[in-house]
Protein backbone atom coordinates (compact mmCIF):
# COMPACT_ATOMS: atom_id res chain seq x y z
CA SER A 1 27.70 -20.06 4.59
CA THR A 2 25.48 -22.24 2.47
CA SER A 3 26.33 -25.59 4.14
CA ALA A 4 23.50 -27.82 5.34
CA ASN A 5 23.12 -28.93 8.96
CA LYS A 6 20.82 -31.05 11.00
CA ARG A 7 18.76 -29.33 13.74
CA GLY A 8 16.12 -30.34 16.23
CA SER A 9 13.81 -32.53 14.23
CA GLY A 10 16.62 -33.91 12.14
CA GLU A 11 15.52 -31.96 9.09
CA GLU A 12 18.29 -30.64 6.95
CA VAL A 13 18.43 -26.81 6.88
CA VAL A 14 20.56 -24.39 4.97
CA GLU A 15 22.72 -21.96 6.90
CA GLY A 16 22.66 -18.36 5.68
CA ARG A 17 18.98 -18.45 4.63
CA GLY A 18 17.84 -15.98 7.35
CA CYS A 19 16.02 -18.69 9.35
CA VAL A 20 17.41 -21.96 10.68
CA PHE A 21 14.01 -23.58 10.10
CA LEU A 22 14.05 -23.14 6.34
CA SER A 23 14.84 -26.36 4.52
CA LYS A 24 17.23 -26.49 1.55
CA GLU A 25 14.08 -26.26 -0.59
CA GLY A 26 13.06 -23.02 1.21
CA GLN A 27 10.16 -24.60 3.06
CA CYS A 28 9.39 -23.79 6.76
CA GLY A 29 10.11 -26.84 8.95
CA ILE A 30 7.94 -25.52 11.80
CA TYR A 31 5.07 -23.94 9.88
CA GLU A 32 2.24 -24.96 12.25
CA ALA A 33 4.20 -23.73 15.31
CA ARG A 34 5.99 -20.79 13.69
CA PRO A 35 6.62 -17.64 15.79
CA ILE A 36 4.32 -14.66 15.73
CA GLN A 37 6.83 -12.69 13.64
CA CYS A 38 6.43 -15.30 10.89
CA SER A 39 2.71 -16.01 11.23
CA THR A 40 1.82 -12.30 10.89
CA TYR A 41 4.13 -11.60 7.93
CA PRO A 42 3.59 -9.74 5.59
CA TRP A 43 0.75 -8.06 7.55
CA TRP A 44 3.15 -6.02 9.72
CA PRO A 45 1.93 -2.45 10.37
CA SER A 46 5.02 -0.89 8.75
CA LEU A 47 4.40 -2.81 5.49
CA LEU A 48 0.79 -1.71 5.44
CA GLU A 49 1.55 1.95 6.06
CA SER A 50 1.91 2.80 2.38
CA GLU A 51 1.71 1.37 -1.10
CA GLU A 52 5.45 2.08 -1.40
CA ALA A 53 6.35 0.06 1.68
CA TRP A 54 4.16 -2.80 0.44
CA GLN A 55 5.74 -2.84 -3.07
CA ASP A 56 9.24 -2.58 -1.63
CA GLU A 57 8.62 -5.90 0.12
CA ALA A 58 7.56 -7.66 -3.11
CA VAL A 59 10.01 -10.06 -4.68
CA VAL A 60 9.66 -12.64 -7.46
CA PRO A 61 10.37 -16.40 -7.32
CA GLY A 62 13.90 -17.47 -8.19
CA ASP A 63 12.94 -18.71 -11.68
CA GLN A 64 11.60 -15.29 -12.72
CA GLU A 65 13.34 -12.14 -13.74
CA GLY A 66 13.29 -9.35 -11.13
CA GLU A 67 14.25 -8.81 -7.54
CA HIS A 68 14.61 -12.07 -5.58
CA TRP A 69 14.48 -12.89 -1.88
CA ASN A 70 17.79 -12.51 -0.07
CA GLU A 71 18.87 -12.88 3.54
CA GLU A 72 19.60 -9.24 4.07
CA ASP A 73 16.49 -7.68 2.52
CA GLY A 74 13.97 -10.57 2.78
CA GLY A 75 10.86 -10.04 0.78
CA CYS A 76 7.52 -11.73 0.04
CA GLU A 77 6.96 -13.61 -3.20
CA GLY A 78 3.17 -13.68 -2.64
CA ILE A 79 2.71 -9.88 -2.78
CA ALA A 80 3.16 -9.60 -6.57
CA HIS A 81 2.52 -13.22 -7.52
CA SER A 82 -0.01 -13.47 -10.36
CA ALA A 83 -1.74 -16.47 -8.74
CA SER A 84 -2.05 -14.92 -5.26
CA GLU A 85 -5.58 -14.96 -3.89
CA ARG A 86 -7.09 -11.79 -2.41
CA VAL A 87 -6.87 -11.82 1.40
CA PRO A 88 -9.96 -10.44 3.21
CA SER A 89 -9.29 -7.11 5.02
CA SER A 90 -10.55 -8.71 8.24
CA VAL A 91 -7.75 -11.24 8.12
CA ILE A 92 -5.16 -8.56 7.38
CA ASP A 93 -6.42 -6.37 10.24
CA GLU A 94 -6.38 -9.31 12.66
CA ARG A 95 -2.79 -10.39 11.72
CA ARG A 96 -1.59 -6.79 11.92
CA GLN A 97 -3.05 -6.36 15.39
CA VAL A 98 -1.57 -9.65 16.60
CA ALA A 99 1.88 -8.50 15.39
CA LEU A 100 1.47 -5.12 17.08
CA ASP A 101 0.22 -6.58 20.39
CA HIS A 102 3.00 -9.13 20.48
CA TRP A 103 5.79 -6.55 20.12
CA LYS A 104 4.25 -4.16 22.59
CA ARG A 105 4.86 -6.76 25.30
CA PHE A 106 8.60 -6.44 25.07
CA PRO A 107 10.82 -3.65 26.50
CA GLY A 108 12.16 -1.32 23.83
CA PHE A 109 9.04 -1.73 21.67
CA TRP A 110 9.81 1.37 19.54
CA ILE A 111 13.36 0.17 18.96
CA LYS A 112 12.10 -3.21 17.87
CA ARG A 113 9.47 -1.53 15.68
CA ARG A 114 12.18 0.23 13.74
CA THR A 115 14.45 -2.89 13.64
CA TRP A 116 11.76 -5.40 12.66
CA ARG A 117 9.81 -2.95 10.50
CA LEU A 118 6.59 -3.54 12.40
């Protein structure tokens, strides 16, 4: 569904966008308090395992020609964006470890690793 609803803070969000906290403009409504899964993306271990995995996650903004974000496959517009700034390896390593440590706390870690592509 692509209908808009009101949630929690009263912000309007679009159903069917993969996250109830995305506004109709595609902005995160809880950015400062977002979950670890979001705050560590795209620095998940599975996306850093190979160049192929990294490039498979790359998508382009909606106004450009190429593969776009969708609810089923997701994707990160910043990976291949021409204006993206280089992220220091220390930041990448720290975010990757936070993601890994977070998911290790839950039962069925290896199942979640395959499901969430950590």
